[in-house]
Amino acid sequence: MASDTHKRTPLYAAHEALGARMMPFGGFEMPVQYTSIIDEHKAVRTAAGLFDVSHMGEVMVTGPEAFAFVQHLVTNDASKLYDGRAMYTVMCTPDGGIVDDLLVYRRADDAYLLVINAANIAKDVAWMRDHNPMDAAIENISADVALLALQGPEAFAIAQPFLDQPLDDLSFYHFLDTTDGAFMDCDRAIVSRTGYTGEPGLELYLSPGDAQRVWNTLLDAGRAQGLQPAGLGARDTLRLEAGYCLYGNDITTETTPYEAGLGWVVKLDAGDFVGRAALRTIKEQGPERALVAFIADGRGIPRAGYAIQAPDGTALGTVTSGTQSPLLSAGIGMGYVPNDDAYTAPGTHLQVMRRKRPMDVTVAKPPLHEQ
């Protein structure tokens, strides 16, 4: 029986049938792994993996004020979007803290799809409604959308037979808004060249009623190419090797985009938006700390919450994410240190305190698995 506090995605029965180990995440019961995190991780890096990420939130913004609202809400420049174009961005508090990171899809000049993190759905929707002076229409459609991620070097080859448009022509952060069964007989589906793994791939926005059929069809079609179902465990190790931030760990309302290395999604000249004045000041003065990625020099795994220090013992900061890299067979992590080349430059030697014993790590520029 489902618990009273955790929802289930439309694919819950499929996960159980595959023997997935389930756990609560973002308010849902989600698959952590099917075989092993290492096997699923390596499948994505070498062939393909299929993820159920239907726990993510989706919000439609529509009407004549849709663009003005999106431009006011997020830090990136929505004027650069056109139908079929998406962008990664953040929305910030007035003092520059990150409320959430999200994707924005322009479906029409008066229709934008915002994709937000599962654990933040209620908070984000409330934030949007509270910061909507132009009174755009905001609708939380999360319950009406299933989301699959087909990721890995074989992803396009697996999906191509189900589309009449060449996927090689679909550029990064672009999408197909299909109708009338153009993708796997779905009445409507978004096929998006986006992902969270550091590999080429697609994200598929579907009606919940189509999710299990599409899931099963893709697994059957991709078996010969090495496609495996993959859980949230591999999703986390993949994103950390790629150096992607996880909301709640690496970015929060206590971190700013400039600290997190996300200054590239802040367009101060794109007009006014929530947090713009504070972010302008932070950019001019320079952030006091910076998020760095690192690789352990020996045995041991850096874990979130462990202290980071200089080799002379000077306290620097805290690990925000850490795991064992299946490709490097080494511990990897990210954390905040003072914004100084002495601590942030690739090749710099730092230490992570593990059970009061220092573990040597080396700062590296992501993607870490391509070192």
Protein backbone atom coordinates (compact mmCIF):
# COMPACT_ATOMS: atom_id res chain seq x y z
CA MET A 1 0.00 0.00 0.00
CA ALA A 2 1.18 3.53 -0.70
CA SER A 3 1.95 5.52 2.39
CA ASP A 4 -0.21 8.49 3.31
CA THR A 5 2.72 10.85 2.82
CA HIS A 6 4.35 9.60 -0.40
CA LYS A 7 2.84 9.66 -3.86
CA ARG A 8 3.45 7.16 -6.64
CA THR A 9 4.29 7.87 -10.26
CA PRO A 10 2.30 6.23 -13.08
CA LEU A 11 5.18 3.73 -13.42
CA TYR A 12 5.15 2.39 -9.87
CA ALA A 13 3.83 -1.03 -10.95
CA ALA A 14 6.48 -1.25 -13.68
CA HIS A 15 9.22 -0.56 -11.14
CA GLU A 16 7.90 -3.25 -8.81
CA ALA A 17 7.74 -5.73 -11.69
CA LEU A 18 11.39 -5.03 -12.44
CA GLY A 19 12.36 -5.62 -8.82
CA ALA A 20 13.39 -2.04 -8.15
CA ARG A 21 14.40 -0.99 -4.66
CA MET A 22 12.05 1.86 -3.77
CA MET A 23 12.55 4.73 -1.35
CA PRO A 24 10.94 8.08 -0.54
CA PHE A 25 12.29 11.03 -2.53
CA GLY A 26 10.75 14.43 -3.12
CA GLY A 27 7.42 13.28 -1.71
CA PHE A 28 7.24 10.20 -3.98
CA GLU A 29 8.13 6.53 -3.73
CA MET A 30 10.88 6.30 -6.33
CA PRO A 31 13.20 3.58 -7.67
CA VAL A 32 16.76 3.90 -6.33
CA GLN A 33 18.15 1.00 -8.33
CA TYR A 34 17.10 -2.08 -10.27
CA THR A 35 20.32 -4.14 -10.50
CA SER A 36 23.10 -1.98 -9.10
CA ILE A 37 23.92 1.70 -9.18
CA ILE A 38 27.29 0.95 -10.76
CA ASP A 39 25.79 -1.15 -13.57
CA GLU A 40 23.09 1.41 -14.31
CA HIS A 41 25.59 4.28 -14.19
CA LYS A 42 27.94 2.54 -16.63
CA ALA A 43 25.03 1.69 -18.94
CA VAL A 44 24.22 5.40 -19.26
CA ARG A 45 27.85 6.31 -19.94
CA THR A 46 28.38 3.57 -22.54
CA ALA A 47 24.93 2.80 -23.99
CA ALA A 48 21.69 4.16 -22.48
CA GLY A 49 19.55 4.29 -19.37
CA LEU A 50 15.84 4.98 -18.95
CA PHE A 51 14.76 6.95 -15.88
CA ASP A 52 11.35 7.65 -14.42
CA VAL A 53 11.49 11.27 -13.27
CA SER A 54 7.74 11.82 -13.11
CA HIS A 55 8.16 13.22 -9.60
CA MET A 56 9.38 16.49 -11.14
CA GLY A 57 6.95 19.39 -11.16
CA GLU A 58 5.44 21.14 -14.17
CA VAL A 59 3.76 24.54 -14.24
CA MET A 60 2.06 26.11 -17.27
CA VAL A 61 2.15 29.88 -17.59
CA THR A 62 -0.26 31.21 -20.20
CA GLY A 63 -1.95 34.33 -21.48
CA PRO A 64 -0.86 37.69 -22.86
CA GLU A 65 1.30 38.37 -19.79
CA ALA A 66 3.08 34.97 -19.86
CA PHE A 67 6.37 36.27 -21.24
CA ALA A 68 6.45 39.31 -18.95
CA PHE A 69 5.90 37.06 -15.94
CA VAL A 70 8.62 34.57 -16.88
CA GLN A 71 11.08 37.40 -17.55
CA HIS A 72 10.25 38.88 -14.15
CA LEU A 73 10.53 35.51 -12.36
CA VAL A 74 13.83 34.06 -13.61
CA THR A 75 17.39 35.32 -14.01
CA ASN A 76 18.01 34.18 -17.57
CA ASP A 77 16.76 36.05 -20.65
CA ALA A 78 13.42 34.64 -21.79
CA SER A 79 13.43 36.96 -24.80
CA LYS A 80 15.99 34.62 -26.38
CA LEU A 81 13.43 31.81 -26.42
CA TYR A 82 11.29 30.90 -29.40
CA ASP A 83 8.79 28.12 -30.01
CA GLY A 84 10.66 24.84 -29.55
CA ARG A 85 13.49 26.39 -27.50
CA ALA A 86 14.18 25.75 -23.81
CA MET A 87 16.60 27.23 -21.30
CA TYR A 88 18.07 26.43 -17.90
CA THR A 89 17.76 29.13 -15.28
CA VAL A 90 17.12 29.90 -11.62
CA MET A 91 14.62 32.01 -9.76
CA CYS A 92 15.94 34.01 -6.85
CA THR A 93 14.88 35.79 -3.69
CA PRO A 94 15.23 39.58 -3.54
CA ASP A 95 18.64 39.11 -1.86
CA GLY A 96 19.88 36.74 -4.57
CA GLY A 97 19.38 33.36 -2.91
CA ILE A 98 18.23 30.53 -5.19
CA VAL A 99 14.57 29.59 -4.75
CA ASP A 100 14.96 26.77 -7.30
CA ASP A 101 16.67 25.88 -10.54
CA LEU A 102 14.36 25.06 -13.42
CA LEU A 103 13.84 24.59 -17.13
CA VAL A 104 11.68 26.97 -19.14
CA TYR A 105 10.10 25.76 -22.40
CA ARG A 106 8.46 28.18 -24.81
CA ARG A 107 5.56 26.31 -26.42
CA ALA A 108 3.99 29.46 -27.91
CA ASP A 109 4.36 33.21 -27.47
CA ASP A 110 1.69 33.02 -24.77
CA ALA A 111 2.49 29.56 -23.31
CA TYR A 112 5.53 28.57 -21.25
CA LEU A 113 6.20 25.31 -19.44
CA LEU A 114 8.27 25.58 -16.25
CA VAL A 115 9.83 22.38 -14.91
CA ILE A 116 10.76 22.49 -11.23
CA ASN A 117 12.18 20.17 -8.57
CA ALA A 118 9.88 17.64 -6.95
CA ALA A 119 10.48 18.63 -3.34
CA ASN A 120 9.85 22.29 -4.19
CA ILE A 121 6.55 22.06 -6.07
CA ALA A 122 4.29 23.55 -3.42
CA LYS A 123 6.88 26.15 -2.38
CA ASP A 124 7.66 27.15 -5.96
CA VAL A 125 4.05 27.48 -7.07
CA ALA A 126 3.32 29.64 -4.04
CA TRP A 127 6.41 31.76 -4.85
CA MET A 128 5.24 32.20 -8.43
CA ARG A 129 1.78 33.28 -7.35
CA ASP A 130 3.26 35.73 -4.83
CA HIS A 131 5.55 37.28 -7.46
CA ASN A 132 3.09 37.73 -10.29
CA PRO A 133 2.30 41.46 -10.46
CA MET A 134 1.19 41.14 -14.10
CA ASP A 135 -1.40 38.49 -13.16
CA ALA A 136 -0.35 35.84 -15.67
CA ALA A 137 -2.27 32.56 -15.59
CA ILE A 138 -0.32 29.99 -13.52
CA GLU A 139 -1.42 26.34 -13.43
CA ASN A 140 0.28 23.51 -11.58
CA ILE A 141 -0.09 20.57 -14.01
CA SER A 142 2.37 18.23 -12.25
CA ALA A 143 -0.25 15.53 -11.67
CA ASP A 144 -1.08 15.51 -15.38
CA VAL A 145 2.47 14.97 -16.66
CA ALA A 146 4.71 11.89 -16.64
CA LEU A 147 8.39 12.44 -17.40
CA LEU A 148 10.90 9.88 -18.68
CA ALA A 149 14.60 10.52 -19.33
CA LEU A 150 16.31 8.44 -22.02
CA GLN A 151 19.99 9.19 -21.58
CA GLY A 152 23.25 7.94 -23.06
CA PRO A 153 25.15 7.73 -26.35
CA GLU A 154 22.58 5.28 -27.82
CA ALA A 155 19.54 7.35 -26.75
CA PHE A 156 18.87 8.97 -30.12
CA ALA A 157 19.26 5.70 -32.03
CA ILE A 158 16.76 4.02 -29.69
CA ALA A 159 14.17 6.79 -29.97
CA GLN A 160 14.60 7.62 -33.67
CA PRO A 161 12.29 4.87 -35.06
CA PHE A 162 9.40 6.45 -33.17
CA LEU A 163 9.75 9.90 -34.76
CA ASP A 164 9.63 11.03 -38.38
CA GLN A 165 11.99 13.95 -37.74
CA PRO A 166 15.77 13.31 -37.54
CA LEU A 167 16.84 13.59 -33.91
CA ASP A 168 20.35 14.52 -35.01
CA ASP A 169 18.82 17.80 -36.18
CA LEU A 170 17.46 18.51 -32.69
CA SER A 171 19.92 20.85 -31.00
CA PHE A 172 20.71 20.92 -27.28
CA TYR A 173 17.97 22.72 -25.30
CA HIS A 174 15.49 22.37 -28.16
CA PHE A 175 12.35 20.26 -28.21
CA LEU A 176 9.61 18.83 -30.39
CA ASP A 177 6.06 19.55 -29.25
CA THR A 178 4.34 16.62 -30.94
CA THR A 179 0.62 16.06 -31.47
CA ASP A 180 -1.72 13.56 -33.13
CA GLY A 181 0.34 10.47 -32.36
CA ALA A 182 3.56 11.72 -33.94
CA PHE A 183 5.51 10.14 -31.06
CA MET A 184 4.45 6.60 -30.12
CA ASP A 185 0.76 7.30 -30.76
CA CYS A 186 0.63 9.81 -27.90
CA ASP A 187 -2.01 12.51 -28.36
CA ARG A 188 0.61 15.01 -27.25
CA ALA A 189 4.21 14.64 -26.10
CA ILE A 190 7.26 16.84 -25.71
CA VAL A 191 10.53 15.29 -26.88
CA SER A 192 13.30 17.44 -25.42
CA ARG A 193 17.06 17.30 -25.93
CA THR A 194 17.91 17.90 -22.29
CA GLY A 195 19.13 15.84 -19.36
CA TYR A 196 20.90 15.63 -16.02
CA THR A 197 23.57 13.01 -16.68
CA GLY A 198 26.29 14.65 -18.75
CA GLU A 199 25.44 12.40 -21.71
CA PRO A 200 23.41 13.11 -24.84
CA GLY A 201 19.79 12.23 -24.32
CA LEU A 202 16.13 13.06 -24.34
CA GLU A 203 13.48 13.94 -21.80
CA LEU A 204 9.95 12.86 -22.68
CA TYR A 205 6.91 14.69 -21.27
CA LEU A 206 3.84 12.47 -21.59
CA SER A 207 0.29 11.95 -20.44
CA PRO A 208 0.32 9.64 -17.38
CA GLY A 209 -1.86 7.23 -19.34
CA ASP A 210 0.86 6.83 -21.97
CA ALA A 211 3.79 6.47 -19.59
CA GLN A 212 3.86 2.71 -19.03
CA ARG A 213 3.36 1.89 -22.71
CA VAL A 214 6.17 4.24 -23.73
CA TRP A 215 8.41 2.92 -20.94
CA ASN A 216 7.91 -0.71 -21.97
CA THR A 217 8.25 0.05 -25.68
CA LEU A 218 11.55 1.88 -25.20
CA LEU A 219 12.99 -0.84 -22.96
CA ASP A 220 12.10 -3.48 -25.53
CA ALA A 221 13.41 -1.41 -28.44
CA GLY A 222 16.69 -0.55 -26.74
CA ARG A 223 17.57 -3.90 -25.22
CA ALA A 224 19.89 -4.86 -28.09
CA GLN A 225 21.76 -1.55 -27.71
CA GLY A 226 22.31 -2.07 -23.99
CA LEU A 227 19.49 0.08 -22.62
CA GLN A 228 18.79 -0.51 -18.92
CA PRO A 229 16.25 0.97 -16.53
CA ALA A 230 18.10 3.29 -14.17
CA GLY A 231 17.17 4.62 -10.75
CA LEU A 232 17.81 7.74 -8.73
CA GLY A 233 21.04 6.29 -7.34
CA ALA A 234 22.67 6.33 -10.78
CA ARG A 235 21.04 9.66 -11.56
CA ASP A 236 22.89 11.16 -8.59
CA THR A 237 26.28 9.63 -9.35
CA LEU A 238 25.97 10.66 -13.00
CA ARG A 239 25.06 14.27 -12.24
CA LEU A 240 27.86 14.56 -9.68
CA GLU A 241 30.48 13.25 -12.12
CA ALA A 242 29.14 15.85 -14.58
CA GLY A 243 29.34 18.59 -11.94
CA TYR A 244 25.62 19.44 -11.94
CA CYS A 245 24.11 21.05 -8.85
CA LEU A 246 21.39 19.38 -6.79
CA TYR A 247 18.87 21.69 -5.16
CA GLY A 248 18.84 21.28 -1.39
CA ASN A 249 22.50 20.24 -1.37
CA ASP A 250 24.64 22.43 -3.62
CA ILE A 251 22.17 25.26 -4.13
CA THR A 252 19.59 26.67 -1.71
CA THR A 253 18.15 30.04 -0.74
CA GLU A 254 21.42 30.49 1.18
CA THR A 255 23.51 30.30 -2.00
CA THR A 256 23.61 32.67 -4.95
CA PRO A 257 24.11 31.79 -8.63
CA TYR A 258 27.51 33.48 -8.66
CA GLU A 259 28.73 31.37 -5.73
CA ALA A 260 27.42 28.20 -7.36
CA GLY A 261 29.12 28.78 -10.70
CA LEU A 262 25.78 29.59 -12.32
CA GLY A 263 26.52 33.19 -13.18
CA TRP A 264 26.06 32.25 -16.83
CA VAL A 265 22.29 31.99 -16.28
CA VAL A 266 22.08 35.51 -14.83
CA LYS A 267 21.44 38.15 -17.48
CA LEU A 268 21.52 41.48 -15.68
CA ASP A 269 20.76 43.37 -18.90
CA ALA A 270 17.55 41.42 -19.63
CA GLY A 271 15.29 43.79 -17.72
CA ASP A 272 14.10 43.70 -14.15
CA PHE A 273 13.63 40.40 -12.33
CA VAL A 274 13.35 39.32 -8.72
CA GLY A 275 16.81 39.56 -7.14
CA ARG A 276 18.42 41.56 -9.94
CA ALA A 277 19.67 44.45 -7.80
CA ALA A 278 21.25 42.14 -5.23
CA LEU A 279 22.85 39.98 -7.90
CA ARG A 280 24.30 43.04 -9.63
CA THR A 281 25.99 44.05 -6.37
CA ILE A 282 27.28 40.51 -5.76
CA LYS A 283 28.75 40.38 -9.25
CA GLU A 284 30.43 43.78 -8.87
CA GLN A 285 31.91 42.92 -5.47
CA GLY A 286 32.63 39.29 -6.29
CA PRO A 287 31.12 36.36 -4.34
CA GLU A 288 32.84 35.54 -1.07
CA ARG A 289 32.84 31.80 -1.72
CA ALA A 290 32.77 29.44 -4.66
CA LEU A 291 31.53 25.93 -5.32
CA VAL A 292 34.36 23.59 -6.32
CA ALA A 293 34.44 19.97 -7.42
CA PHE A 294 37.15 17.58 -6.31
CA ILE A 295 38.41 14.02 -6.56
CA ALA A 296 39.79 12.01 -3.63
CA ASP A 297 43.47 11.17 -3.97
CA GLY A 298 43.12 7.85 -2.14
CA ARG A 299 40.50 5.68 -0.53
CA GLY A 300 37.41 7.18 1.07
CA ILE A 301 34.24 8.97 0.06
CA PRO A 302 33.58 12.63 0.86
CA ARG A 303 30.06 12.96 2.23
CA ALA A 304 27.73 15.93 2.50
CA GLY A 305 28.39 17.75 5.75
CA TYR A 306 32.08 16.85 6.03
CA ALA A 307 34.40 19.81 6.68
CA ILE A 308 36.78 21.05 3.99
CA GLN A 309 40.13 22.45 5.08
CA ALA A 310 43.45 23.56 3.62
CA PRO A 311 46.45 21.25 4.09
CA ASP A 312 47.62 23.51 6.93
CA GLY A 313 44.34 22.92 8.76
CA THR A 314 42.65 26.23 7.90
CA ALA A 315 38.87 25.72 7.87
CA LEU A 316 37.43 26.49 4.45
CA GLY A 317 33.90 25.16 4.11
CA THR A 318 31.67 22.11 3.87
CA VAL A 319 31.05 19.30 1.41
CA THR A 320 27.60 19.72 -0.17
CA SER A 321 27.53 16.52 -2.28
CA GLY A 322 29.74 13.45 -2.38
CA THR A 323 29.76 9.90 -3.69
CA GLN A 324 31.93 7.16 -5.18
CA SER A 325 32.50 7.68 -8.90
CA PRO A 326 31.77 4.40 -10.72
CA LEU A 327 34.04 5.42 -13.62
CA LEU A 328 36.96 6.79 -11.61
CA SER A 329 36.65 4.25 -8.77
CA ALA A 330 37.36 7.18 -6.48
CA GLY A 331 35.46 9.46 -4.15
CA ILE A 332 34.21 12.70 -5.70
CA GLY A 333 32.38 15.68 -4.30
CA MET A 334 31.52 19.35 -4.36
CA GLY A 335 31.57 21.99 -1.68
CA TYR A 336 32.01 25.69 -0.95
CA VAL A 337 35.38 27.27 -0.20
CA PRO A 338 36.56 30.90 -0.12
CA ASN A 339 36.55 32.47 -3.59
CA ASP A 340 40.31 32.54 -3.90
CA ASP A 341 42.49 30.93 -6.56
CA ALA A 342 44.53 29.42 -3.76
CA TYR A 343 41.56 27.14 -3.05
CA THR A 344 39.56 27.04 -6.29
CA ALA A 345 42.14 26.50 -9.05
CA PRO A 346 42.07 23.03 -10.67
CA GLY A 347 44.93 20.95 -9.31
CA THR A 348 44.75 22.56 -5.86
CA HIS A 349 45.18 20.12 -2.98
CA LEU A 350 42.64 20.34 -0.16
CA GLN A 351 41.50 18.02 2.62
CA VAL A 352 38.12 16.67 3.66
CA MET A 353 37.72 15.67 7.29
CA ARG A 354 36.34 12.13 7.49
CA ARG A 355 35.78 10.88 11.02
CA LYS A 356 38.27 13.47 12.26
CA ARG A 357 40.90 12.17 9.84
CA PRO A 358 41.97 14.23 6.83
CA MET A 359 41.33 12.81 3.35
CA ASP A 360 43.38 14.38 0.58
CA VAL A 361 41.40 15.64 -2.41
CA THR A 362 42.31 17.56 -5.56
CA VAL A 363 40.18 20.31 -7.05
CA ALA A 364 39.12 19.45 -10.62
CA LYS A 365 37.01 21.05 -13.31
CA PRO A 366 33.92 18.98 -14.25
CA PRO A 367 33.10 16.75 -15.93
CA LEU A 368 35.11 14.76 -13.40
CA HIS A 369 34.87 11.46 -15.30
CA GLU A 370 36.69 12.99 -18.26
CA GLN A 371 39.82 13.91 -16.31
